[in-house]
Protein backbone atom coordinates (compact mmCIF):
# COMPACT_ATOMS: atom_id res chain seq x y z
CA MET A 1 16.93 -22.79 -15.92
CA ILE A 2 13.60 -22.30 -14.12
CA LYS A 3 12.24 -18.79 -14.37
CA LYS A 4 11.08 -17.46 -11.02
CA SER A 5 7.59 -16.06 -10.69
CA GLN A 6 6.91 -12.57 -9.40
CA ARG A 7 5.67 -14.16 -6.18
CA ASP A 8 8.94 -16.07 -5.72
CA LEU A 9 11.03 -12.97 -6.44
CA ILE A 10 9.08 -10.84 -3.96
CA TYR A 11 9.17 -13.54 -1.28
CA ALA A 12 12.91 -14.09 -1.70
CA ASN A 13 14.07 -10.46 -1.95
CA PRO A 14 12.70 -8.19 0.77
CA ASP A 15 15.83 -6.05 0.32
CA MET A 16 14.41 -4.87 -3.03
CA PHE A 17 11.62 -3.12 -1.12
CA VAL A 18 12.97 -2.25 2.34
CA GLY A 19 16.70 -1.80 1.81
CA PRO A 20 20.03 -3.63 1.94
CA ASP A 21 19.73 -4.56 5.63
CA TRP A 22 17.49 -7.42 4.49
CA LYS A 23 19.78 -8.73 1.74
CA GLY A 24 19.96 -12.50 2.06
CA ARG A 25 17.23 -12.49 4.71
CA LYS A 26 13.58 -13.47 4.68
CA TRP A 27 10.59 -11.24 5.23
CA ASP A 28 9.82 -10.71 8.90
CA ASN A 29 7.55 -8.41 10.91
CA LYS A 30 10.16 -5.66 11.13
CA ALA A 31 10.72 -5.72 7.36
CA LEU A 32 6.96 -5.47 6.84
CA GLU A 33 6.74 -2.50 9.20
CA LYS A 34 9.53 -0.74 7.30
CA PHE A 35 7.76 -1.46 4.01
CA LEU A 36 4.51 0.05 5.31
CA ILE A 37 6.33 3.14 6.61
CA LEU A 38 7.84 3.63 3.14
CA LEU A 39 4.35 3.32 1.64
CA ILE A 40 3.05 5.95 4.11
CA GLN A 41 5.94 8.23 3.22
CA TYR A 42 5.01 8.00 -0.46
CA ALA A 43 1.40 8.86 0.42
CA VAL A 44 2.42 12.15 2.08
CA ASP A 45 5.47 13.16 0.02
CA SER A 46 4.68 16.08 -2.30
CA SER A 47 6.75 14.47 -5.08
CA THR A 48 4.06 11.80 -5.55
CA MET A 49 1.41 14.53 -6.06
CA ASN A 50 -1.09 12.80 -3.78
CA GLU A 51 -1.84 16.15 -2.06
CA CYS A 52 -2.34 14.51 1.32
CA ASN A 53 -2.15 16.44 4.59
CA VAL A 54 -3.84 13.96 6.95
CA LEU A 55 -2.84 10.31 7.28
CA LYS A 56 -4.45 7.89 9.71
CA VAL A 57 -3.23 4.45 10.75
CA TRP A 58 -5.43 1.99 12.62
CA ILE A 59 -4.06 -1.20 14.11
CA LYS A 60 -7.40 -2.96 13.71
CA SER A 61 -6.02 -6.07 15.40
CA LYS A 62 -2.57 -7.47 16.10
CA ASN A 63 -2.61 -8.88 12.58
CA GLU A 64 -4.54 -6.29 10.56
CA ILE A 65 -3.84 -2.66 9.74
CA VAL A 66 -5.68 0.14 7.94
CA ILE A 67 -3.96 3.14 6.34
CA GLU A 68 -6.10 6.05 5.16
CA ASP A 69 -5.17 9.39 3.60
CA ASN A 70 -7.12 12.41 2.38
CA GLY A 71 -5.25 12.76 -0.92
CA ILE A 72 -6.50 12.87 -4.50
CA GLY A 73 -7.07 9.11 -4.82
CA LEU A 74 -5.53 6.42 -7.01
CA PRO A 75 -5.87 6.72 -10.80
CA ILE A 76 -8.53 4.45 -12.29
CA THR A 77 -7.90 5.44 -15.91
CA PRO A 78 -7.19 2.64 -18.41
CA HIS A 79 -3.51 1.85 -18.92
CA LEU A 80 -2.07 3.20 -22.16
CA GLU A 81 -0.80 -0.20 -23.35
CA PRO A 82 -2.89 -3.33 -24.15
CA PRO A 83 -4.93 -4.87 -22.60
CA HIS A 84 -5.85 -1.37 -21.33
CA THR A 85 -6.79 -2.51 -17.83
CA GLN A 86 -7.17 0.19 -15.21
CA ALA A 87 -3.88 1.43 -13.80
CA LEU A 88 -4.74 0.23 -10.27
CA VAL A 89 -5.59 -3.26 -11.54
CA LYS A 90 -2.29 -3.47 -13.39
CA ALA A 91 -0.38 -2.29 -10.32
CA LEU A 92 -2.04 -5.01 -8.20
CA THR A 93 -1.40 -7.83 -10.66
CA TRP A 94 1.98 -6.98 -12.21
CA TYR A 95 5.04 -5.79 -10.34
CA ILE A 96 6.21 -2.54 -11.97
CA PRO A 97 9.94 -1.96 -11.37
CA THR A 98 10.62 1.76 -11.36
CA GLY A 99 14.07 2.60 -10.04
CA MET A 100 13.43 6.19 -9.02
CA PRO A 101 9.76 6.93 -9.88
CA THR A 102 9.13 10.02 -11.96
CA THR A 103 6.23 12.45 -12.34
CA PRO A 104 4.70 10.52 -15.29
CA PHE A 105 4.80 7.33 -13.19
CA PHE A 106 2.89 8.93 -10.32
CA ASN A 107 0.43 10.51 -12.77
CA GLU A 108 -0.33 7.04 -14.14
CA TYR A 109 -0.25 4.87 -11.00
CA GLY A 110 -0.56 7.25 -8.04
CA PHE A 111 1.52 7.04 -4.87
CA LEU A 112 0.81 3.31 -4.38
CA GLY A 113 2.59 2.32 -7.60
CA SER A 114 4.89 -0.66 -7.13
CA PHE A 115 3.79 -1.10 -3.50
CA ALA A 116 0.44 -2.46 -4.71
CA ARG A 117 1.75 -5.73 -6.15
CA VAL A 118 3.96 -6.40 -3.13
CA LEU A 119 1.07 -5.78 -0.72
CA ASN A 120 -1.10 -8.13 -2.73
CA ILE A 121 1.51 -10.91 -2.78
CA LEU A 122 2.10 -10.64 0.99
CA SER A 123 -1.58 -10.50 1.94
CA ILE A 124 -4.18 -12.95 3.06
CA SER A 125 -6.61 -10.05 2.70
CA LEU A 126 -6.17 -6.69 0.95
CA ARG A 127 -8.91 -4.19 0.21
CA ILE A 128 -8.34 -0.81 -1.40
CA ASP A 129 -11.00 1.90 -1.40
CA THR A 130 -10.27 5.12 -3.25
CA VAL A 131 -12.08 8.22 -4.45
CA TYR A 132 -10.89 9.32 -7.88
CA GLN A 133 -12.34 12.37 -9.63
CA GLY A 134 -15.38 12.33 -7.34
CA GLN A 135 -16.25 8.63 -7.80
CA SER A 136 -15.68 5.92 -5.17
CA TYR A 137 -14.08 2.61 -6.17
CA THR A 138 -13.15 -0.58 -4.33
CA VAL A 139 -11.15 -3.73 -5.10
CA SER A 140 -10.35 -6.77 -2.92
CA CYS A 141 -7.37 -9.12 -3.18
CA SER A 142 -5.79 -12.13 -1.50
CA TRP A 143 -2.48 -13.97 -1.95
CA GLY A 144 -1.57 -12.06 -5.10
CA LYS A 145 -4.94 -12.36 -6.85
CA ILE A 146 -7.90 -10.06 -7.29
CA ILE A 147 -10.90 -11.79 -5.70
CA GLU A 148 -13.46 -8.98 -6.07
CA PRO A 149 -12.87 -6.92 -9.24
CA LEU A 150 -12.46 -3.17 -9.23
CA ARG A 151 -15.91 -1.62 -9.19
CA LYS A 152 -17.72 1.62 -8.42
CA GLN A 153 -19.30 1.98 -4.99
CA THR A 154 -22.76 3.33 -4.42
CA ASP A 155 -22.35 3.73 -0.64
CA ASP A 156 -19.40 6.05 -0.23
CA ILE A 157 -17.04 4.77 2.47
CA LEU A 158 -14.71 7.73 1.89
CA SER A 159 -15.36 11.33 0.98
CA GLN A 160 -11.87 11.59 -0.52
CA GLY A 161 -8.49 9.87 -0.58
CA THR A 162 -7.54 6.22 -0.24
CA ARG A 163 -8.01 3.54 2.40
CA ILE A 164 -5.82 0.41 2.41
CA SER A 165 -6.99 -2.46 4.64
CA PHE A 166 -4.25 -5.07 4.87
CA LYS A 167 -3.99 -8.40 6.65
CA PRO A 168 -0.61 -10.09 5.99
CA ASP A 169 -0.08 -13.77 5.25
CA PRO A 170 0.23 -15.58 8.62
CA GLU A 171 2.54 -18.18 7.07
CA ILE A 172 5.15 -15.43 6.58
CA PHE A 173 4.43 -13.03 9.44
CA PRO A 174 3.91 -14.55 12.91
CA SER A 175 1.33 -13.06 15.26
CA PRO A 176 1.32 -10.41 16.60
CA VAL A 177 2.42 -8.66 13.42
CA PHE A 178 1.93 -5.02 14.34
CA ASN A 179 3.48 -3.27 17.33
CA GLU A 180 1.76 -0.02 18.35
CA GLU A 181 4.76 1.50 20.12
CA SER A 182 7.11 0.75 17.23
CA LEU A 183 4.70 2.21 14.68
CA LYS A 184 4.21 5.30 16.83
CA SER A 185 7.95 5.85 16.91
CA GLU A 186 8.20 5.57 13.13
CA LEU A 187 5.24 7.91 12.55
CA ASP A 188 6.77 10.45 14.92
CA LYS A 189 9.86 10.47 12.70
CA LEU A 190 7.69 11.07 9.64
CA ALA A 191 5.87 13.88 11.45
CA SER A 192 9.21 15.62 11.96
CA LYS A 193 10.09 15.14 8.31
CA PHE A 194 6.67 16.26 7.01
CA PRO A 195 5.52 18.97 9.46
CA SER A 196 2.57 20.02 7.29
CA VAL A 197 0.99 16.55 7.55
CA ILE A 198 -1.13 15.39 10.49
CA PHE A 199 -0.40 11.76 11.43
CA GLU A 200 -2.87 9.83 13.59
CA LEU A 201 -2.41 6.39 15.11
CA SER A 202 -5.09 4.39 16.87
CA ALA A 203 -5.73 0.78 17.84
CA GLY A 204 -8.88 -1.32 18.18
CA ASP A 205 -12.19 -1.13 16.37
CA MET A 206 -12.66 1.62 13.82
CA ASP A 207 -15.47 4.13 14.23
């Protein structure tokens, strides 16, 4: 029996990440949108302890999106178990099944948690910038691998929080990937659910 890789499992089972409606189906643009909305919900939900009250989404192009929050940032502390890589690096390179995440999980991995590995697998380009305990960090990935290691930044892109710049794999997600009207509708639903959070959506070049 051939053991499937994490990549194969993630490719073949979108229902694990977006719900039973996709059981037996392949990833598509709508599944990706639902996945990103779930990620955004984790960023603003008080249970993840991200302490975010402003979340911005830019549709940078029809095939690239940027999600930025003003929360506490993603933990950069070394993982407790060998090889003691930083928690964010582990999250990007190993899928961490959680069931229902708990407070210790969010303390260790932040709101991104298990979303990180899935984003990395589905990306042609993924960059994460985060400010953790006053220090800025960045890491860049592509097709499931880290291509620019996690490092400190000297020119601070963010004053606080986390920015996720994501361009999905065009072999899986046909262009145009992102639909502004559909995303606006989903963010409006989140705004009703989380009235203390300001949600912003824009399209085109970032300032």
